[in-house]
Amino acid sequence: MTIFRIIRDIIRRQFLSGVLVVVPLIITYVVLKFLFESVDGILSPLITKLLGREIPGLGIIATILIILLAGFLTRNIIGATLIRYGDKALARTPIIRIFYLAAKQLIEAVTVPNIKAFKAVVMIEYPRLGMYAMGFATTKIKFECEKENAKKLVGVFIPSTPTPMTGIVVFVPENEVISIKLTVEEGLKLIVSGGIVSPESICRADKPAIGEI
């Protein structure tokens, strides 16, 4: 083995090691940046109005404190009770409940392992034949455009990379949905990492994505 090859292999190993450190940090940064900018966009104008002047970074600090406070409240009886009543109030408010419940269920599905909103990891031919997209089967419906020929469609949520809280929903004929042998957590890792964290091979699952309706 020549000196050039030895140097090349060393550089390649160092580069790959660096990727394993840097890429997760970048993805985490992008996700947190999206979260902070969303909440900060609401809080910053309010804080500026209260104080009479703009203080750089104060909105982000306030966002972190509010999230930590909310997390602390959910861990004690009084706070959990207050949050539960607030949650019910928002869930009963016209218009607001549509967005609130949908957003809450999506975040829970992505972040809480015990929530089984995502039934299975699936592959579908999207956005064209011969090209596959990975998503999560969420539901099954009957599409009755004609009563004699009702179709069974599977709802598939296709998350965005690297922020899986956003994405699109498509309804695909049941026989065109391929259930694969990946857990929801493994599927999320693959999507969030942009395909970097992926197995060498993906096998088709024996059982359908969603049972009969």
Protein backbone atom coordinates (compact mmCIF):
# COMPACT_ATOMS: atom_id res chain seq x y z
CA MET A 1 0.00 0.00 0.00
CA THR A 2 1.46 3.37 -1.06
CA ILE A 3 1.85 6.39 1.21
CA PHE A 4 -0.83 8.17 -0.84
CA ARG A 5 -3.36 5.40 -0.12
CA ILE A 6 -2.49 5.37 3.59
CA ILE A 7 -3.00 9.14 3.80
CA ARG A 8 -6.23 8.87 1.80
CA ASP A 9 -7.61 6.17 4.12
CA ILE A 10 -6.67 8.17 7.21
CA ILE A 11 -8.37 11.29 5.84
CA ARG A 12 -11.47 9.29 4.86
CA ARG A 13 -11.76 7.73 8.33
CA GLN A 14 -11.29 11.12 9.97
CA PHE A 15 -13.88 12.66 7.64
CA LEU A 16 -16.43 9.95 8.39
CA SER A 17 -15.79 10.31 12.12
CA GLY A 18 -16.32 14.05 11.76
CA VAL A 19 -19.57 13.50 9.87
CA LEU A 20 -20.90 11.33 12.70
CA VAL A 21 -20.27 14.22 15.10
CA VAL A 22 -21.22 17.22 12.96
CA VAL A 23 -24.33 15.98 11.10
CA PRO A 24 -26.40 15.14 14.24
CA LEU A 25 -25.44 18.55 15.68
CA ILE A 26 -26.54 20.33 12.49
CA ILE A 27 -29.83 18.44 12.31
CA THR A 28 -30.52 19.13 15.99
CA TYR A 29 -29.71 22.80 15.40
CA VAL A 30 -32.09 23.02 12.42
CA VAL A 31 -34.95 21.40 14.35
CA LEU A 32 -34.43 23.59 17.43
CA LYS A 33 -34.02 26.68 15.25
CA PHE A 34 -37.36 25.94 13.60
CA LEU A 35 -38.99 25.55 17.02
CA PHE A 36 -37.42 28.65 18.54
CA GLU A 37 -38.13 30.86 15.53
CA SER A 38 -41.77 29.76 15.52
CA VAL A 39 -42.31 30.50 19.22
CA ASP A 40 -39.98 33.51 19.26
CA GLY A 41 -41.97 35.07 16.42
CA ILE A 42 -44.96 35.14 18.76
CA LEU A 43 -43.20 36.13 21.99
CA SER A 44 -40.71 38.75 20.76
CA PRO A 45 -43.35 41.34 19.67
CA LEU A 46 -45.15 40.93 23.03
CA ILE A 47 -41.96 41.34 25.06
CA THR A 48 -40.86 44.33 22.98
CA LYS A 49 -44.24 45.95 23.49
CA LEU A 50 -44.11 45.38 27.27
CA LEU A 51 -40.54 46.64 27.73
CA GLY A 52 -40.74 49.40 25.15
CA ARG A 53 -37.59 48.30 23.35
CA GLU A 54 -36.18 45.24 21.65
CA ILE A 55 -33.65 43.11 23.50
CA PRO A 56 -31.76 40.68 21.21
CA GLY A 57 -32.06 37.04 22.27
CA LEU A 58 -34.68 37.71 24.93
CA GLY A 59 -37.39 35.97 22.90
CA ILE A 60 -35.33 32.78 22.64
CA ILE A 61 -34.56 32.83 26.37
CA ALA A 62 -38.24 33.36 27.15
CA THR A 63 -39.12 30.47 24.82
CA ILE A 64 -36.74 28.11 26.63
CA LEU A 65 -38.05 29.20 30.03
CA ILE A 66 -41.69 28.72 28.98
CA ILE A 67 -40.95 25.22 27.63
CA LEU A 68 -39.07 24.30 30.82
CA LEU A 69 -41.87 25.74 32.96
CA ALA A 70 -44.50 23.78 31.00
CA GLY A 71 -42.43 20.61 31.45
CA PHE A 72 -42.08 21.28 35.17
CA LEU A 73 -45.82 21.87 35.56
CA THR A 74 -46.69 18.58 33.90
CA ARG A 75 -44.61 16.77 36.54
CA ASN A 76 -46.69 17.81 39.54
CA ILE A 77 -50.34 17.27 40.40
CA ILE A 78 -51.45 20.93 40.48
CA GLY A 79 -49.67 21.84 37.25
CA ALA A 80 -50.85 18.71 35.47
CA THR A 81 -54.44 19.50 36.51
CA LEU A 82 -54.21 23.07 35.23
CA ILE A 83 -52.69 21.95 31.94
CA ARG A 84 -55.36 19.27 31.57
CA TYR A 85 -58.15 21.84 32.00
CA GLY A 86 -56.41 24.21 29.60
CA ASP A 87 -56.02 21.39 27.11
CA LYS A 88 -59.74 20.58 27.32
CA ALA A 89 -60.64 24.27 26.90
CA LEU A 90 -58.56 24.58 23.73
CA ALA A 91 -59.92 21.26 22.44
CA ARG A 92 -63.47 22.64 22.74
CA THR A 93 -62.79 26.05 21.19
CA PRO A 94 -64.15 26.30 17.62
CA ILE A 95 -61.54 26.67 14.84
CA ILE A 96 -58.63 26.66 17.33
CA ARG A 97 -59.30 23.02 18.26
CA ILE A 98 -58.80 21.92 14.64
CA PHE A 99 -55.20 23.15 14.54
CA TYR A 100 -54.41 22.51 18.20
CA LEU A 101 -55.49 18.87 18.28
CA ALA A 102 -53.88 18.06 14.93
CA ALA A 103 -50.58 19.70 15.94
CA LYS A 104 -50.58 18.01 19.36
CA GLN A 105 -51.25 14.56 17.96
CA LEU A 106 -48.54 14.97 15.33
CA ILE A 107 -45.92 16.11 17.86
CA GLU A 108 -46.86 13.25 20.20
CA ALA A 109 -46.62 10.76 17.34
CA VAL A 110 -43.12 11.98 16.48
CA THR A 111 -41.70 12.44 19.98
CA VAL A 112 -43.50 9.99 22.31
CA PRO A 113 -42.64 6.31 21.63
CA ASN A 114 -45.73 4.99 23.47
CA ILE A 115 -48.14 6.89 21.20
CA LYS A 116 -49.13 4.54 18.37
CA ALA A 117 -50.46 7.17 15.95
CA PHE A 118 -48.07 5.83 13.32
CA LYS A 119 -49.15 2.26 12.61
CA ALA A 120 -46.18 1.20 10.50
CA VAL A 121 -43.30 2.41 8.37
CA VAL A 122 -44.17 2.06 4.69
CA MET A 123 -42.86 2.76 1.21
CA ILE A 124 -44.95 4.13 -1.64
CA GLU A 125 -44.14 5.01 -5.23
CA TYR A 126 -44.06 8.80 -4.94
CA PRO A 127 -43.88 11.36 -6.54
CA ARG A 128 -43.82 9.12 -9.61
CA LEU A 129 -43.66 5.44 -10.52
CA GLY A 130 -40.23 3.96 -9.95
CA MET A 131 -39.34 6.49 -7.24
CA TYR A 132 -40.02 5.50 -3.62
CA ALA A 133 -40.80 7.68 -0.62
CA MET A 134 -40.79 6.51 3.00
CA GLY A 135 -43.67 7.46 5.26
CA PHE A 136 -45.87 6.29 8.12
CA ALA A 137 -49.24 4.60 7.75
CA THR A 138 -51.76 6.45 9.91
CA THR A 139 -55.24 5.28 8.97
CA LYS A 140 -57.35 3.36 6.48
CA ILE A 141 -60.51 4.67 4.82
CA LYS A 142 -63.05 3.58 2.24
CA PHE A 143 -63.21 5.94 -0.71
CA GLU A 144 -66.69 5.58 -2.20
CA CYS A 145 -66.53 7.53 -5.42
CA GLU A 146 -68.78 4.79 -6.76
CA LYS A 147 -70.74 2.60 -4.32
CA GLU A 148 -70.10 -0.51 -6.36
CA ASN A 149 -66.37 0.10 -6.54
CA ALA A 150 -65.37 1.44 -3.12
CA LYS A 151 -61.60 1.62 -2.75
CA LYS A 152 -59.61 0.98 0.39
CA LEU A 153 -57.05 3.75 0.82
CA VAL A 154 -54.27 4.00 3.38
CA GLY A 155 -53.34 7.43 4.73
CA VAL A 156 -49.56 7.90 4.60
CA PHE A 157 -47.78 10.78 6.31
CA ILE A 158 -44.52 11.68 4.54
CA PRO A 159 -42.40 13.84 6.89
CA SER A 160 -40.01 16.53 5.75
CA THR A 161 -36.25 16.31 6.28
CA PRO A 162 -34.87 17.22 8.78
CA THR A 163 -37.99 18.53 10.57
CA PRO A 164 -40.40 15.56 10.80
CA MET A 165 -43.09 17.74 12.42
CA THR A 166 -44.01 18.97 8.94
CA GLY A 167 -44.80 17.02 5.79
CA ILE A 168 -47.63 15.95 3.51
CA VAL A 169 -50.41 13.37 3.66
CA VAL A 170 -51.29 11.19 0.70
CA PHE A 171 -53.97 8.50 0.40
CA VAL A 172 -52.74 5.47 -1.47
CA PRO A 173 -54.59 2.33 -2.64
CA GLU A 174 -54.02 -0.41 -0.08
CA ASN A 175 -52.38 -2.78 -2.56
CA GLU A 176 -49.79 -0.11 -3.46
CA VAL A 177 -48.57 0.44 0.11
CA ILE A 178 -45.48 -1.60 0.99
CA SER A 179 -45.04 -2.25 4.70
CA ILE A 180 -41.36 -2.60 5.62
CA LYS A 181 -39.44 -4.12 8.52
CA LEU A 182 -38.46 -0.93 10.32
CA THR A 183 -39.68 0.43 13.63
CA VAL A 184 -41.18 3.91 13.73
CA GLU A 185 -38.09 5.15 15.59
CA GLU A 186 -35.78 3.69 12.94
CA GLY A 187 -37.89 5.25 10.20
CA LEU A 188 -37.72 8.65 11.88
CA LYS A 189 -33.95 8.38 12.26
CA LEU A 190 -33.59 7.59 8.57
CA ILE A 191 -35.77 10.51 7.49
CA VAL A 192 -34.33 13.08 9.92
CA SER A 193 -30.76 12.12 8.97
CA GLY A 194 -31.51 12.56 5.27
CA GLY A 195 -30.89 8.86 4.66
CA ILE A 196 -27.48 8.83 6.37
CA VAL A 197 -28.66 6.67 9.28
CA SER A 198 -30.08 3.76 7.34
CA PRO A 199 -29.73 -0.04 7.27
CA GLU A 200 -27.84 -1.77 4.48
CA SER A 201 -31.07 -3.34 3.27
CA ILE A 202 -34.78 -2.78 3.84
CA CYS A 203 -37.04 -5.83 3.76
CA ARG A 204 -40.74 -6.01 3.05
CA ALA A 205 -42.86 -6.91 6.07
CA ASP A 206 -45.13 -9.95 5.97
CA LYS A 207 -48.13 -8.23 7.51
CA PRO A 208 -50.06 -5.28 6.00
CA ALA A 209 -49.48 -1.76 7.33
CA ILE A 210 -52.97 -1.53 8.82
CA GLY A 211 -55.51 -4.25 9.59
CA GLU A 212 -58.95 -4.61 8.10
CA ILE A 213 -61.63 -1.94 8.51
